[in-house]
């Protein structure tokens, strides 16, 4: 029986990066299809105000396994959940999520793919990350928040570099609000709390390759404060 992988990415105002990111990740899908399995690169345009979606449409004829989607803006976490649901409903039994800003490296995907039958969740950990001190502070703060809310210690809860078995992901998503912004944080925390089979891998995390990050510390703080109540509700439901 062949494995079906969906490589999914949210995209918001990524016209400076999107072509290079597709060029980097599409060979992963090509190799997997060439080995007798099946893979797609699915990128959801989250209501971008630039030419992100138009560029993806133009590239679709060049890249056989690229599937661009367009949707109204709902934020990163909600778009990630939208992509997970899309992948599962279209027959994926593995879902890999990364972001469309060029910070992650496709070469580091293969260590996860080779262990896909060993672990249910495989998550990257960003050591020596190159995207600024403020982001390191956010990651450490999230680790503390997850400990306080869920009473589990998660190495890097929000890493946008994760390979997940669709069956187990679907089960965990039942506990998460549909439009939850910190969706990957919740998935990581629940997976650890439920003692799922998890593999952790150190990964390279480069500076954003182009464009401007739409999330600033003030907005992150507001999102975090709102999420505390949701984290409590999720934890009670487990």
C-alpha atoms as a PDB file:
ATOM      1  CA  UNK A   1       0.000   0.000   0.000  1.00  0.00           C
ATOM      2  CA  UNK A   2       1.465   3.367  -1.017  1.00  0.00           C
ATOM      3  CA  UNK A   3       1.783   6.303   1.353  1.00  0.00           C
ATOM      4  CA  UNK A   4       0.078   9.585   0.480  1.00  0.00           C
ATOM      5  CA  UNK A   5       1.834  12.739   1.707  1.00  0.00           C
ATOM      6  CA  UNK A   6       0.523  16.273   1.608  1.00  0.00           C
ATOM      7  CA  UNK A   7       3.174  18.955   2.127  1.00  0.00           C
ATOM      8  CA  UNK A   8       1.114  21.919   3.307  1.00  0.00           C
ATOM      9  CA  UNK A   9       2.015  25.589   3.766  1.00  0.00           C
ATOM     10  CA  UNK A  10       0.023  28.703   4.651  1.00  0.00           C
ATOM     11  CA  UNK A  11       0.985  31.810   2.681  1.00  0.00           C
ATOM     12  CA  UNK A  12       0.244  35.454   3.444  1.00  0.00           C
ATOM     13  CA  UNK A  13       1.882  38.218   1.393  1.00  0.00           C
ATOM     14  CA  UNK A  14       4.755  35.970   0.335  1.00  0.00           C
ATOM     15  CA  UNK A  15       5.260  37.178  -3.248  1.00  0.00           C
ATOM     16  CA  UNK A  16       8.952  37.744  -2.474  1.00  0.00           C
ATOM     17  CA  UNK A  17       9.439  34.128  -1.379  1.00  0.00           C
ATOM     18  CA  UNK A  18       6.801  31.898  -2.898  1.00  0.00           C
ATOM     19  CA  UNK A  19       8.507  30.967  -6.171  1.00  0.00           C
ATOM     20  CA  UNK A  20      11.798  30.050  -4.485  1.00  0.00           C
ATOM     21  CA  UNK A  21       9.981  28.058  -1.797  1.00  0.00           C
ATOM     22  CA  UNK A  22       8.057  26.067  -4.415  1.00  0.00           C
ATOM     23  CA  UNK A  23      11.281  25.496  -6.331  1.00  0.00           C
ATOM     24  CA  UNK A  24      12.907  24.160  -3.142  1.00  0.00           C
ATOM     25  CA  UNK A  25      10.066  21.900  -1.972  1.00  0.00           C
ATOM     26  CA  UNK A  26       8.592  20.548  -5.201  1.00  0.00           C
ATOM     27  CA  UNK A  27      11.536  18.136  -5.744  1.00  0.00           C
ATOM     28  CA  UNK A  28      10.535  16.456  -2.464  1.00  0.00           C
ATOM     29  CA  UNK A  29       7.137  15.628  -3.961  1.00  0.00           C
ATOM     30  CA  UNK A  30       8.781  14.546  -7.229  1.00  0.00           C
ATOM     31  CA  UNK A  31      11.089  12.125  -5.435  1.00  0.00           C
ATOM     32  CA  UNK A  32       8.292  10.624  -3.333  1.00  0.00           C
ATOM     33  CA  UNK A  33       6.104  10.101  -6.385  1.00  0.00           C
ATOM     34  CA  UNK A  34       9.072   8.628  -8.231  1.00  0.00           C
ATOM     35  CA  UNK A  35       9.539   6.090  -5.441  1.00  0.00           C
ATOM     36  CA  UNK A  36       5.993   4.764  -5.911  1.00  0.00           C
ATOM     37  CA  UNK A  37       4.239   6.746  -3.218  1.00  0.00           C
ATOM     38  CA  UNK A  38       2.175   9.907  -3.738  1.00  0.00           C
ATOM     39  CA  UNK A  39       2.838  13.509  -2.689  1.00  0.00           C
ATOM     40  CA  UNK A  40       1.399  16.964  -3.294  1.00  0.00           C
ATOM     41  CA  UNK A  41       2.618  20.451  -2.347  1.00  0.00           C
ATOM     42  CA  UNK A  42      -0.501  22.298  -1.196  1.00  0.00           C
ATOM     43  CA  UNK A  43      -0.182  26.012  -0.435  1.00  0.00           C
ATOM     44  CA  UNK A  44      -3.140  27.999   0.896  1.00  0.00           C
ATOM     45  CA  UNK A  45      -3.141  31.699   0.112  1.00  0.00           C
ATOM     46  CA  UNK A  46      -4.588  33.277   3.261  1.00  0.00           C
ATOM     47  CA  UNK A  47      -6.196  36.352   1.713  1.00  0.00           C
ATOM     48  CA  UNK A  48      -2.892  37.934   0.644  1.00  0.00           C
ATOM     49  CA  UNK A  49      -2.953  41.557  -0.472  1.00  0.00           C
ATOM     50  CA  UNK A  50      -0.095  41.046  -2.922  1.00  0.00           C
ATOM     51  CA  UNK A  51       0.478  38.708  -5.887  1.00  0.00           C
ATOM     52  CA  UNK A  52       1.143  35.524  -3.915  1.00  0.00           C
ATOM     53  CA  UNK A  53      -1.787  33.575  -5.328  1.00  0.00           C
ATOM     54  CA  UNK A  54      -1.310  34.846  -8.893  1.00  0.00           C
ATOM     55  CA  UNK A  55       2.315  33.688  -8.828  1.00  0.00           C
ATOM     56  CA  UNK A  56       1.272  30.251  -7.593  1.00  0.00           C
ATOM     57  CA  UNK A  57      -1.288  29.949 -10.373  1.00  0.00           C
ATOM     58  CA  UNK A  58       1.341  30.871 -12.962  1.00  0.00           C
ATOM     59  CA  UNK A  59       3.713  28.240 -11.603  1.00  0.00           C
ATOM     60  CA  UNK A  60       1.159  25.436 -11.546  1.00  0.00           C
ATOM     61  CA  UNK A  61       1.825  24.443 -15.162  1.00  0.00           C
ATOM     62  CA  UNK A  62       5.552  24.178 -14.438  1.00  0.00           C
ATOM     63  CA  UNK A  63       5.258  22.182 -11.210  1.00  0.00           C
ATOM     64  CA  UNK A  64       3.172  19.041 -11.651  1.00  0.00           C
ATOM     65  CA  UNK A  65       2.477  18.347  -7.978  1.00  0.00           C
ATOM     66  CA  UNK A  66       1.743  21.930  -6.886  1.00  0.00           C
ATOM     67  CA  UNK A  67      -1.797  22.686  -5.752  1.00  0.00           C
ATOM     68  CA  UNK A  68      -2.525  26.340  -4.865  1.00  0.00           C
ATOM     69  CA  UNK A  69      -5.634  27.104  -2.810  1.00  0.00           C
ATOM     70  CA  UNK A  70      -7.223  30.481  -2.167  1.00  0.00           C
ATOM     71  CA  UNK A  71      -9.208  31.414   0.944  1.00  0.00           C
ATOM     72  CA  UNK A  72     -10.265  34.493   2.920  1.00  0.00           C
ATOM     73  CA  UNK A  73      -7.820  35.708   5.549  1.00  0.00           C
ATOM     74  CA  UNK A  74      -8.179  33.918   8.872  1.00  0.00           C
ATOM     75  CA  UNK A  75      -4.644  33.960  10.302  1.00  0.00           C
ATOM     76  CA  UNK A  76      -1.791  31.466  10.372  1.00  0.00           C
ATOM     77  CA  UNK A  77      -3.165  28.945  12.866  1.00  0.00           C
ATOM     78  CA  UNK A  78      -6.630  28.744  11.349  1.00  0.00           C
ATOM     79  CA  UNK A  79      -5.104  28.334   7.879  1.00  0.00           C
ATOM     80  CA  UNK A  80      -2.865  25.540   9.137  1.00  0.00           C
ATOM     81  CA  UNK A  81      -5.938  23.726  10.501  1.00  0.00           C
ATOM     82  CA  UNK A  82      -7.730  24.335   7.191  1.00  0.00           C
ATOM     83  CA  UNK A  83      -4.820  22.701   5.366  1.00  0.00           C
ATOM     84  CA  UNK A  84      -4.736  19.746   7.751  1.00  0.00           C
ATOM     85  CA  UNK A  85      -8.453  19.146   7.201  1.00  0.00           C
ATOM     86  CA  UNK A  86      -8.016  19.501   3.441  1.00  0.00           C
ATOM     87  CA  UNK A  87      -5.170  16.989   3.365  1.00  0.00           C
ATOM     88  CA  UNK A  88      -7.010  14.430   5.472  1.00  0.00           C
ATOM     89  CA  UNK A  89     -10.260  14.766   3.509  1.00  0.00           C
ATOM     90  CA  UNK A  90      -8.338  14.210   0.265  1.00  0.00           C
ATOM     91  CA  UNK A  91      -6.794  10.950   1.352  1.00  0.00           C
ATOM     92  CA  UNK A  92      -3.460  11.898   2.896  1.00  0.00           C
ATOM     93  CA  UNK A  93      -2.150   9.452   5.467  1.00  0.00           C
ATOM     94  CA  UNK A  94       0.814  11.718   6.229  1.00  0.00           C
ATOM     95  CA  UNK A  95       0.823  15.500   6.555  1.00  0.00           C
ATOM     96  CA  UNK A  96       3.966  17.608   6.608  1.00  0.00           C
ATOM     97  CA  UNK A  97       3.646  21.295   7.522  1.00  0.00           C
ATOM     98  CA  UNK A  98       6.141  24.049   7.012  1.00  0.00           C
ATOM     99  CA  UNK A  99       5.893  27.773   6.271  1.00  0.00           C
ATOM    100  CA  UNK A 100       6.277  29.578   2.942  1.00  0.00           C
ATOM    101  CA  UNK A 101       8.930  32.107   4.007  1.00  0.00           C
ATOM    102  CA  UNK A 102      11.977  29.999   3.168  1.00  0.00           C
ATOM    103  CA  UNK A 103      13.238  29.538   6.724  1.00  0.00           C
ATOM    104  CA  UNK A 104      13.280  25.727   6.675  1.00  0.00           C
ATOM    105  CA  UNK A 105      15.402  23.363   4.582  1.00  0.00           C
ATOM    106  CA  UNK A 106      13.948  20.536   2.467  1.00  0.00           C
ATOM    107  CA  UNK A 107      17.061  18.383   2.915  1.00  0.00           C
ATOM    108  CA  UNK A 108      16.169  17.988   6.589  1.00  0.00           C
ATOM    109  CA  UNK A 109      12.749  16.545   5.742  1.00  0.00           C
ATOM    110  CA  UNK A 110      14.108  13.147   4.779  1.00  0.00           C
ATOM    111  CA  UNK A 111      15.152  12.125   8.285  1.00  0.00           C
ATOM    112  CA  UNK A 112      11.462  12.351   9.207  1.00  0.00           C
ATOM    113  CA  UNK A 113      10.156  10.625   6.097  1.00  0.00           C
ATOM    114  CA  UNK A 114      12.499   7.694   6.648  1.00  0.00           C
ATOM    115  CA  UNK A 115      11.074   7.254  10.172  1.00  0.00           C
ATOM    116  CA  UNK A 116       7.407   7.769   9.253  1.00  0.00           C
ATOM    117  CA  UNK A 117       6.481   4.214  10.254  1.00  0.00           C
ATOM    118  CA  UNK A 118       8.223   4.577  13.612  1.00  0.00           C
ATOM    119  CA  UNK A 119       6.616   7.769  14.987  1.00  0.00           C
ATOM    120  CA  UNK A 120       3.124   9.278  14.865  1.00  0.00           C
ATOM    121  CA  UNK A 121       4.445  12.831  15.215  1.00  0.00           C
ATOM    122  CA  UNK A 122       7.868  14.124  14.211  1.00  0.00           C
ATOM    123  CA  UNK A 123       8.666  17.712  15.121  1.00  0.00           C
ATOM    124  CA  UNK A 124      11.694  19.899  14.496  1.00  0.00           C
ATOM    125  CA  UNK A 125      13.434  21.788  17.269  1.00  0.00           C
ATOM    126  CA  UNK A 126      15.007  25.138  16.424  1.00  0.00           C
ATOM    127  CA  UNK A 127      18.408  25.400  18.071  1.00  0.00           C
ATOM    128  CA  UNK A 128      20.590  28.368  17.153  1.00  0.00           C
ATOM    129  CA  UNK A 129      17.748  29.904  15.177  1.00  0.00           C
ATOM    130  CA  UNK A 130      18.604  32.892  13.022  1.00  0.00           C
ATOM    131  CA  UNK A 131      15.353  34.875  13.010  1.00  0.00           C
ATOM    132  CA  UNK A 132      16.000  37.259  15.890  1.00  0.00           C
ATOM    133  CA  UNK A 133      16.144  37.398  19.677  1.00  0.00           C
ATOM    134  CA  UNK A 134      12.465  38.320  20.067  1.00  0.00           C
ATOM    135  CA  UNK A 135      11.420  35.081  18.398  1.00  0.00           C
ATOM    136  CA  UNK A 136      13.619  33.078  20.748  1.00  0.00           C
ATOM    137  CA  UNK A 137      11.896  34.790  23.690  1.00  0.00           C
ATOM    138  CA  UNK A 138       8.480  33.870  22.249  1.00  0.00           C
ATOM    139  CA  UNK A 139       9.496  30.211  21.894  1.00  0.00           C
ATOM    140  CA  UNK A 140      10.752  30.018  25.483  1.00  0.00           C
ATOM    141  CA  UNK A 141       7.621  31.768  26.752  1.00  0.00           C
ATOM    142  CA  UNK A 142       5.390  29.342  24.880  1.00  0.00           C
ATOM    143  CA  UNK A 143       7.259  26.436  26.450  1.00  0.00           C
ATOM    144  CA  UNK A 144       6.481  27.864  29.898  1.00  0.00           C
ATOM    145  CA  UNK A 145       2.827  28.547  29.018  1.00  0.00           C
ATOM    146  CA  UNK A 146       2.385  24.985  27.773  1.00  0.00           C
ATOM    147  CA  UNK A 147       3.865  23.697  31.024  1.00  0.00           C
ATOM    148  CA  UNK A 148       1.501  25.827  33.101  1.00  0.00           C
ATOM    149  CA  UNK A 149      -1.591  24.972  31.041  1.00  0.00           C
ATOM    150  CA  UNK A 150      -1.004  21.306  30.153  1.00  0.00           C
ATOM    151  CA  UNK A 151       1.613  20.239  32.721  1.00  0.00           C
ATOM    152  CA  UNK A 152       3.897  18.840  30.016  1.00  0.00           C
ATOM    153  CA  UNK A 153       7.316  19.991  28.823  1.00  0.00           C
ATOM    154  CA  UNK A 154       7.471  20.459  25.045  1.00  0.00           C
ATOM    155  CA  UNK A 155      10.860  21.100  23.431  1.00  0.00           C
ATOM    156  CA  UNK A 156       9.603  23.440  20.693  1.00  0.00           C
ATOM    157  CA  UNK A 157       5.822  23.588  20.555  1.00  0.00           C
ATOM    158  CA  UNK A 158       5.296  25.851  17.549  1.00  0.00           C
ATOM    159  CA  UNK A 159       7.881  24.630  15.050  1.00  0.00           C
ATOM    160  CA  UNK A 160       6.661  24.921  11.441  1.00  0.00           C
ATOM    161  CA  UNK A 161       8.450  21.711  10.486  1.00  0.00           C
ATOM    162  CA  UNK A 162       6.450  18.619  11.408  1.00  0.00           C
ATOM    163  CA  UNK A 163       5.459  15.301   9.857  1.00  0.00           C
ATOM    164  CA  UNK A 164       2.322  13.716  11.296  1.00  0.00           C
ATOM    165  CA  UNK A 165       0.295  10.582  10.715  1.00  0.00           C
ATOM    166  CA  UNK A 166      -3.062  11.805   9.483  1.00  0.00           C
ATOM    167  CA  UNK A 167      -5.034   9.343  11.596  1.00  0.00           C
ATOM    168  CA  UNK A 168      -3.508  10.555  14.859  1.00  0.00           C
ATOM    169  CA  UNK A 169      -3.579  14.203  13.779  1.00  0.00           C
ATOM    170  CA  UNK A 170      -7.291  13.980  13.012  1.00  0.00           C
ATOM    171  CA  UNK A 171      -7.976  12.590  16.478  1.00  0.00           C
ATOM    172  CA  UNK A 172      -6.057  15.392  18.203  1.00  0.00           C
ATOM    173  CA  UNK A 173      -7.720  18.091  16.100  1.00  0.00           C
ATOM    174  CA  UNK A 174     -11.076  17.151  17.622  1.00  0.00           C
ATOM    175  CA  UNK A 175      -9.904  18.920  20.791  1.00  0.00           C
ATOM    176  CA  UNK A 176      -8.910  22.188  19.069  1.00  0.00           C
ATOM    177  CA  UNK A 177     -11.237  25.114  18.190  1.00  0.00           C
ATOM    178  CA  UNK A 178     -11.665  25.494  14.424  1.00  0.00           C
ATOM    179  CA  UNK A 179     -10.099  28.974  14.191  1.00  0.00           C
ATOM    180  CA  UNK A 180      -7.451  28.547  16.899  1.00  0.00           C
ATOM    181  CA  UNK A 181      -4.391  30.699  16.144  1.00  0.00           C
ATOM    182  CA  UNK A 182      -1.785  28.686  18.056  1.00  0.00           C
ATOM    183  CA  UNK A 183      -2.912  25.414  16.501  1.00  0.00           C
ATOM    184  CA  UNK A 184       0.525  23.790  16.248  1.00  0.00           C
ATOM    185  CA  UNK A 185       1.233  24.651  19.879  1.00  0.00           C
ATOM    186  CA  UNK A 186      -1.961  22.904  20.930  1.00  0.00           C
ATOM    187  CA  UNK A 187      -1.242  19.885  18.720  1.00  0.00           C
ATOM    188  CA  UNK A 188       2.263  19.513  20.170  1.00  0.00           C
ATOM    189  CA  UNK A 189       1.039  19.842  23.755  1.00  0.00           C
ATOM    190  CA  UNK A 190      -1.812  17.369  23.298  1.00  0.00           C
ATOM    191  CA  UNK A 191       0.449  14.859  21.540  1.00  0.00           C
ATOM    192  CA  UNK A 192       2.920  14.965  24.438  1.00  0.00           C
ATOM    193  CA  UNK A 193       0.164  14.797  27.043  1.00  0.00           C
ATOM    194  CA  UNK A 194      -1.449  11.808  25.322  1.00  0.00           C
ATOM    195  CA  UNK A 195       1.955  10.102  25.126  1.00  0.00           C
ATOM    196  CA  UNK A 196       1.859   9.756  21.364  1.00  0.00           C
ATOM    197  CA  UNK A 197       4.955   8.330  19.683  1.00  0.00           C
ATOM    198  CA  UNK A 198       6.960  11.501  19.010  1.00  0.00           C
ATOM    199  CA  UNK A 199      10.343  12.017  17.390  1.00  0.00           C
ATOM    200  CA  UNK A 200      12.221  15.299  17.897  1.00  0.00           C
ATOM    201  CA  UNK A 201      14.857  16.503  15.439  1.00  0.00           C
ATOM    202  CA  UNK A 202      17.175  19.521  15.563  1.00  0.00           C
ATOM    203  CA  UNK A 203      16.637  21.572  12.420  1.00  0.00           C
ATOM    204  CA  UNK A 204      18.162  24.625  10.777  1.00  0.00           C
ATOM    205  CA  UNK A 205      15.986  27.738  10.993  1.00  0.00           C
ATOM    206  CA  UNK A 206      17.229  30.481   8.708  1.00  0.00           C
ATOM    207  CA  UNK A 207      16.270  34.162   8.598  1.00  0.00           C
ATOM    208  CA  UNK A 208      13.174  34.977   6.563  1.00  0.00           C
ATOM    209  CA  UNK A 209      14.333  34.850   2.945  1.00  0.00           C
ATOM    210  CA  UNK A 210      12.364  37.885   1.744  1.00  0.00           C
ATOM    211  CA  UNK A 211       9.404  40.121   2.489  1.00  0.00           C
ATOM    212  CA  UNK A 212       8.257  41.353   5.878  1.00  0.00           C
ATOM    213  CA  UNK A 213       6.968  39.273   8.771  1.00  0.00           C
ATOM    214  CA  UNK A 214       3.312  40.138   9.440  1.00  0.00           C
ATOM    215  CA  UNK A 215       3.507  39.164  13.123  1.00  0.00           C
ATOM    216  CA  UNK A 216       5.065  41.514  15.686  1.00  0.00           C
ATOM    217  CA  UNK A 217       5.607  41.094  19.406  1.00  0.00           C
ATOM    218  CA  UNK A 218       2.572  43.212  20.338  1.00  0.00           C
ATOM    219  CA  UNK A 219       0.297  41.044  18.242  1.00  0.00           C
ATOM    220  CA  UNK A 220       1.908  37.875  19.544  1.00  0.00           C
ATOM    221  CA  UNK A 221       1.218  39.039  23.118  1.00  0.00           C
ATOM    222  CA  UNK A 222      -2.462  39.672  22.322  1.00  0.00           C
ATOM    223  CA  UNK A 223      -2.796  36.286  20.648  1.00  0.00           C
ATOM    224  CA  UNK A 224      -1.101  34.612  23.607  1.00  0.00           C
ATOM    225  CA  UNK A 225      -3.399  36.228  26.153  1.00  0.00           C
ATOM    226  CA  UNK A 226      -6.485  35.185  24.192  1.00  0.00           C
ATOM    227  CA  UNK A 227      -5.145  31.651  23.840  1.00  0.00           C
ATOM    228  CA  UNK A 228      -4.741  31.086  27.582  1.00  0.00           C
ATOM    229  CA  UNK A 229      -8.467  30.571  28.071  1.00  0.00           C
ATOM    230  CA  UNK A 230      -8.627  28.266  25.066  1.00  0.00           C
ATOM    231  CA  UNK A 231      -5.681  26.252  26.386  1.00  0.00           C
ATOM    232  CA  UNK A 232      -7.531  25.774  29.673  1.00  0.00           C
ATOM    233  CA  UNK A 233     -10.649  24.556  27.855  1.00  0.00           C
ATOM    234  CA  UNK A 234      -8.614  22.172  25.712  1.00  0.00           C
ATOM    235  CA  UNK A 235      -6.815  20.770  28.741  1.00  0.00           C
ATOM    236  CA  UNK A 236     -10.113  20.201  30.582  1.00  0.00           C
ATOM    237  CA  UNK A 237     -11.486  18.321  27.576  1.00  0.00           C
ATOM    238  CA  UNK A 238      -8.603  15.831  27.494  1.00  0.00           C
END
